[in-house]
């Protein structure tokens, strides 16, 4: 039997479009899909010609969560869910995504790991028909993909506890209210809007984008003093790049800059 293609990849300019592809299972994550997504993130991180990732889902659901019949026993045995030498899409263990930003667009069901993938991404969109839930406590377990770490800091303590401790479902309007997502979009417009945003990110100078994201990440995880300590050194190094020269030249000439990543 041919191996299932659980994740699709398409290069659109400098954007890597990463599509979850188990629509017949509402994109529930089995072990293979988890590993294939990690491989996709690793490709994004390692390829210098890819400047932004765009994660979306084929079918009517972003994800119904983990396929617990397969993933549950693996977790109980201590089995690694992601390749040890690859990038963890949840940004929790092993290799981390240090450089490339991720735009993520969700629709339909966005359950458990779907929320955690959102929280680990950078720009987040949802279709107006999205239904969210972090329901682990109703299964006798707890979130272990980053929700306990990021949900409170991204969305506020009370908001995070309201939904993680009850396991109830909430809608796209609530996700927008508490900044779990930055935009809500009509279902038919979601894919293109997400791709447009990823393309817009990829039109900027990639080293500047990466440095901006990394300094912001340091500030969130290590505090403002740690971020300040690195800020001016990185800023000065960017001033010496060809892209910075192009940015200044395009400003003077009143035209759109054409960056090369140099």
Protein backbone atom coordinates (compact mmCIF):
# COMPACT_ATOMS: atom_id res chain seq x y z
CA UNK A 1 0.00 0.00 0.00
CA UNK A 2 1.32 3.44 -0.95
CA UNK A 3 2.23 5.72 1.94
CA UNK A 4 -0.34 8.38 2.65
CA UNK A 5 0.58 11.94 1.64
CA UNK A 6 -0.39 13.61 4.88
CA UNK A 7 1.21 16.99 4.15
CA UNK A 8 1.45 18.77 0.79
CA UNK A 9 4.16 21.25 -0.15
CA UNK A 10 4.06 23.95 -2.80
CA UNK A 11 6.52 26.78 -3.37
CA UNK A 12 4.86 30.07 -4.29
CA UNK A 13 7.61 32.60 -4.90
CA UNK A 14 9.54 32.71 -1.61
CA UNK A 15 6.61 31.17 0.33
CA UNK A 16 6.37 27.49 1.25
CA UNK A 17 2.68 26.55 1.35
CA UNK A 18 2.24 23.60 3.74
CA UNK A 19 -1.12 21.83 3.55
CA UNK A 20 -2.50 19.38 6.11
CA UNK A 21 -3.86 16.54 4.00
CA UNK A 22 -5.95 13.93 5.83
CA UNK A 23 -9.36 15.43 5.03
CA UNK A 24 -11.05 12.02 5.25
CA UNK A 25 -10.01 12.00 8.95
CA UNK A 26 -10.77 15.71 9.46
CA UNK A 27 -6.98 16.16 9.43
CA UNK A 28 -6.56 14.36 12.75
CA UNK A 29 -2.84 13.91 13.39
CA UNK A 30 -1.44 10.40 13.36
CA UNK A 31 2.28 9.74 13.88
CA UNK A 32 3.06 9.97 10.18
CA UNK A 33 1.35 13.34 9.83
CA UNK A 34 3.21 14.75 12.83
CA UNK A 35 6.52 13.67 11.33
CA UNK A 36 5.64 14.92 7.87
CA UNK A 37 4.74 18.33 9.28
CA UNK A 38 8.07 18.43 11.12
CA UNK A 39 9.85 17.60 7.86
CA UNK A 40 8.00 20.47 6.15
CA UNK A 41 9.04 22.93 8.88
CA UNK A 42 12.62 21.68 8.62
CA UNK A 43 12.59 22.26 4.86
CA UNK A 44 11.31 25.80 5.45
CA UNK A 45 13.97 26.56 8.04
CA UNK A 46 16.89 25.12 6.05
CA UNK A 47 16.16 26.48 2.55
CA UNK A 48 17.60 29.98 2.14
CA UNK A 49 15.28 30.67 -0.79
CA UNK A 50 12.17 30.18 1.38
CA UNK A 51 11.37 33.32 3.37
CA UNK A 52 7.97 32.55 4.92
CA UNK A 53 5.79 29.52 5.61
CA UNK A 54 2.05 29.33 5.09
CA UNK A 55 0.18 26.53 6.88
CA UNK A 56 -3.37 25.67 5.85
CA UNK A 57 -5.54 22.57 5.62
CA UNK A 58 -7.20 20.72 2.78
CA UNK A 59 -10.88 19.91 3.33
CA UNK A 60 -13.43 21.37 5.68
CA UNK A 61 -11.50 21.07 8.95
CA UNK A 62 -8.09 22.38 9.99
CA UNK A 63 -7.72 19.50 12.42
CA UNK A 64 -9.90 17.46 14.74
CA UNK A 65 -6.86 17.08 17.00
CA UNK A 66 -4.65 14.09 17.67
CA UNK A 67 -5.59 10.62 16.52
CA UNK A 68 -5.47 9.40 20.12
CA UNK A 69 -5.91 5.73 19.20
CA UNK A 70 -2.43 5.88 17.67
CA UNK A 71 -0.75 8.88 19.30
CA UNK A 72 -1.98 8.20 22.86
CA UNK A 73 -0.13 4.88 23.32
CA UNK A 74 2.99 6.39 21.71
CA UNK A 75 3.00 9.25 24.23
CA UNK A 76 2.40 6.84 27.12
CA UNK A 77 5.46 4.82 26.03
CA UNK A 78 7.63 7.92 25.76
CA UNK A 79 7.95 7.62 22.00
CA UNK A 80 9.18 10.71 20.15
CA UNK A 81 6.41 12.32 18.11
CA UNK A 82 8.76 14.33 15.90
CA UNK A 83 12.12 13.37 14.32
CA UNK A 84 14.90 14.25 16.77
CA UNK A 85 16.92 16.04 14.07
CA UNK A 86 13.98 18.03 12.68
CA UNK A 87 12.18 21.23 13.63
CA UNK A 88 9.34 20.76 16.13
CA UNK A 89 6.24 22.51 14.69
CA UNK A 90 5.02 23.06 18.25
CA UNK A 91 8.30 24.81 19.14
CA UNK A 92 8.64 22.76 22.30
CA UNK A 93 11.50 20.27 22.07
CA UNK A 94 14.70 19.77 20.12
CA UNK A 95 15.39 21.98 17.12
CA UNK A 96 13.41 25.20 17.12
CA UNK A 97 12.28 27.41 14.27
CA UNK A 98 14.63 30.36 14.69
CA UNK A 99 14.41 32.13 11.34
CA UNK A 100 11.33 31.75 9.17
CA UNK A 101 7.93 33.18 10.19
CA UNK A 102 4.74 31.14 9.84
CA UNK A 103 1.35 32.44 8.72
CA UNK A 104 -1.42 29.99 9.65
CA UNK A 105 -5.03 29.85 8.46
CA UNK A 106 -7.59 27.60 10.17
CA UNK A 107 -11.17 26.61 9.39
CA UNK A 108 -13.89 24.21 10.51
CA UNK A 109 -12.62 22.22 13.49
CA UNK A 110 -9.49 23.58 15.17
CA UNK A 111 -9.14 21.26 18.13
CA UNK A 112 -6.35 20.75 20.69
CA UNK A 113 -3.09 20.51 18.70
CA UNK A 114 -4.63 22.91 16.17
CA UNK A 115 -4.75 25.64 18.82
CA UNK A 116 -1.24 24.74 19.93
CA UNK A 117 0.09 25.01 16.38
CA UNK A 118 -1.61 28.40 16.11
CA UNK A 119 0.00 29.57 19.33
CA UNK A 120 3.42 28.51 18.00
CA UNK A 121 2.96 30.42 14.73
CA UNK A 122 3.39 34.13 14.05
CA UNK A 123 0.37 35.50 12.15
CA UNK A 124 -2.94 33.69 12.66
CA UNK A 125 -6.19 33.76 10.71
CA UNK A 126 -9.47 31.88 11.10
CA UNK A 127 -12.49 31.48 8.89
CA UNK A 128 -15.72 32.69 10.45
CA UNK A 129 -16.99 29.10 10.65
CA UNK A 130 -14.12 27.86 12.85
CA UNK A 131 -14.91 26.03 16.08
CA UNK A 132 -12.10 25.79 18.64
CA UNK A 133 -11.63 23.62 21.70
CA UNK A 134 -8.80 22.69 24.07
CA UNK A 135 -10.63 19.68 25.45
CA UNK A 136 -7.89 17.54 27.01
CA UNK A 137 -9.22 17.80 30.58
CA UNK A 138 -12.40 16.11 29.36
CA UNK A 139 -10.29 13.13 28.27
CA UNK A 140 -8.44 12.81 31.57
CA UNK A 141 -5.23 14.32 30.20
CA UNK A 142 -3.74 17.80 29.84
CA UNK A 143 -2.48 19.86 26.90
CA UNK A 144 1.14 18.92 26.25
CA UNK A 145 1.90 20.74 22.99
CA UNK A 146 2.40 24.25 24.36
CA UNK A 147 -1.10 25.51 25.30
CA UNK A 148 -0.29 25.69 29.02
CA UNK A 149 2.78 27.80 28.19
CA UNK A 150 1.44 30.10 25.48
CA UNK A 151 -2.33 30.37 25.84
CA UNK A 152 -2.09 32.48 29.04
CA UNK A 153 0.67 34.75 27.72
CA UNK A 154 -0.92 35.26 24.29
CA UNK A 155 -4.56 35.55 25.34
CA UNK A 156 -4.58 36.39 29.06
CA UNK A 157 -4.78 34.14 32.12
CA UNK A 158 -8.53 34.28 32.57
CA UNK A 159 -9.24 33.65 28.91
CA UNK A 160 -6.87 30.68 28.81
CA UNK A 161 -8.25 29.15 32.00
CA UNK A 162 -11.84 29.71 30.86
CA UNK A 163 -11.34 27.47 27.84
CA UNK A 164 -8.62 25.04 28.99
CA UNK A 165 -10.25 24.16 32.31
CA UNK A 166 -13.77 23.67 30.91
CA UNK A 167 -12.93 22.07 27.58
CA UNK A 168 -15.85 23.94 26.04
CA UNK A 169 -15.97 25.03 22.42
CA UNK A 170 -15.65 28.63 21.31
CA UNK A 171 -16.05 30.42 18.00
CA UNK A 172 -13.95 32.59 15.71
CA UNK A 173 -15.34 35.81 17.19
CA UNK A 174 -14.09 34.78 20.64
CA UNK A 175 -10.72 33.74 19.19
CA UNK A 176 -10.39 37.21 17.65
CA UNK A 177 -11.50 38.96 20.85
CA UNK A 178 -8.75 37.36 22.90
CA UNK A 179 -6.09 37.64 20.15
CA UNK A 180 -5.76 33.93 19.47
CA UNK A 181 -6.15 35.04 15.85
CA UNK A 182 -5.48 38.41 14.25
CA UNK A 183 -8.17 38.24 11.56
CA UNK A 184 -11.37 36.39 10.77
CA UNK A 185 -12.21 35.81 7.12
CA UNK A 186 -15.12 34.37 5.15
CA UNK A 187 -14.47 30.66 4.47
CA UNK A 188 -14.23 31.10 0.72
CA UNK A 189 -11.62 33.87 1.11
CA UNK A 190 -9.46 32.24 3.78
CA UNK A 191 -6.85 30.42 1.70
CA UNK A 192 -6.08 33.40 -0.54
CA UNK A 193 -6.00 35.89 2.35
CA UNK A 194 -3.51 33.73 4.21
CA UNK A 195 -1.36 33.29 1.12
CA UNK A 196 -1.50 37.04 0.46
CA UNK A 197 -0.24 37.78 3.98
CA UNK A 198 2.56 35.22 3.70
CA UNK A 199 3.51 36.70 0.32
CA UNK A 200 3.55 40.19 1.84
CA UNK A 201 5.90 39.01 4.59
CA UNK A 202 8.10 37.35 1.94
CA UNK A 203 8.34 40.63 -0.01
CA UNK A 204 10.23 42.25 2.88
CA UNK A 205 13.97 41.91 3.47
CA UNK A 206 14.31 38.36 4.86
CA UNK A 207 17.22 39.01 7.22
CA UNK A 208 15.34 41.98 8.67
CA UNK A 209 12.18 39.88 9.09
CA UNK A 210 14.13 37.11 10.80
CA UNK A 211 15.94 39.51 13.12
CA UNK A 212 12.68 41.25 14.05
CA UNK A 213 10.98 37.95 14.86
CA UNK A 214 13.97 36.63 16.83
CA UNK A 215 14.39 39.75 18.97
CA UNK A 216 10.66 39.74 19.73
CA UNK A 217 10.85 36.06 20.69
CA UNK A 218 13.78 36.72 23.04
CA UNK A 219 11.82 39.54 24.68
CA UNK A 220 8.83 37.26 25.29
CA UNK A 221 10.83 34.28 26.56
CA UNK A 222 13.79 35.89 28.30
CA UNK A 223 12.56 39.40 29.07
CA UNK A 224 13.14 42.87 27.69
CA UNK A 225 16.65 43.23 29.13
CA UNK A 226 17.87 40.18 27.22
CA UNK A 227 16.31 41.51 24.03
CA UNK A 228 17.78 44.98 24.55
CA UNK A 229 21.22 43.48 25.06
CA UNK A 230 21.20 42.07 21.53
CA UNK A 231 19.18 44.75 19.76
CA UNK A 232 21.75 47.31 18.62
CA UNK A 233 24.37 44.77 17.56
CA UNK A 234 21.90 43.03 15.27
CA UNK A 235 20.54 46.35 14.00
CA UNK A 236 24.05 47.51 13.08
CA UNK A 237 24.81 44.29 11.23
CA UNK A 238 21.63 44.69 9.18
CA UNK A 239 22.70 48.20 8.17
CA UNK A 240 25.62 46.67 6.30
CA UNK A 241 23.56 44.31 4.14
CA UNK A 242 22.81 44.76 0.44
CA UNK A 243 19.11 44.63 1.28
CA UNK A 244 19.46 47.62 3.60
CA UNK A 245 21.21 49.51 0.81
CA UNK A 246 18.38 48.55 -1.55
CA UNK A 247 15.80 49.66 1.01
CA UNK A 248 17.38 53.10 1.30
CA UNK A 249 17.79 53.38 -2.47
CA UNK A 250 14.16 52.43 -3.11
CA UNK A 251 13.04 55.05 -0.58
CA UNK A 252 15.03 57.76 -2.33
CA UNK A 253 13.79 56.65 -5.75
CA UNK A 254 10.22 56.27 -4.51
CA UNK A 255 9.78 52.72 -5.73
CA UNK A 256 9.15 49.30 -4.26
CA UNK A 257 12.27 47.60 -2.95
CA UNK A 258 13.45 44.35 -4.53
CA UNK A 259 15.21 42.32 -1.88
CA UNK A 260 17.57 39.40 -2.51
CA UNK A 261 18.31 38.20 1.01
CA UNK A 262 21.88 39.48 0.87
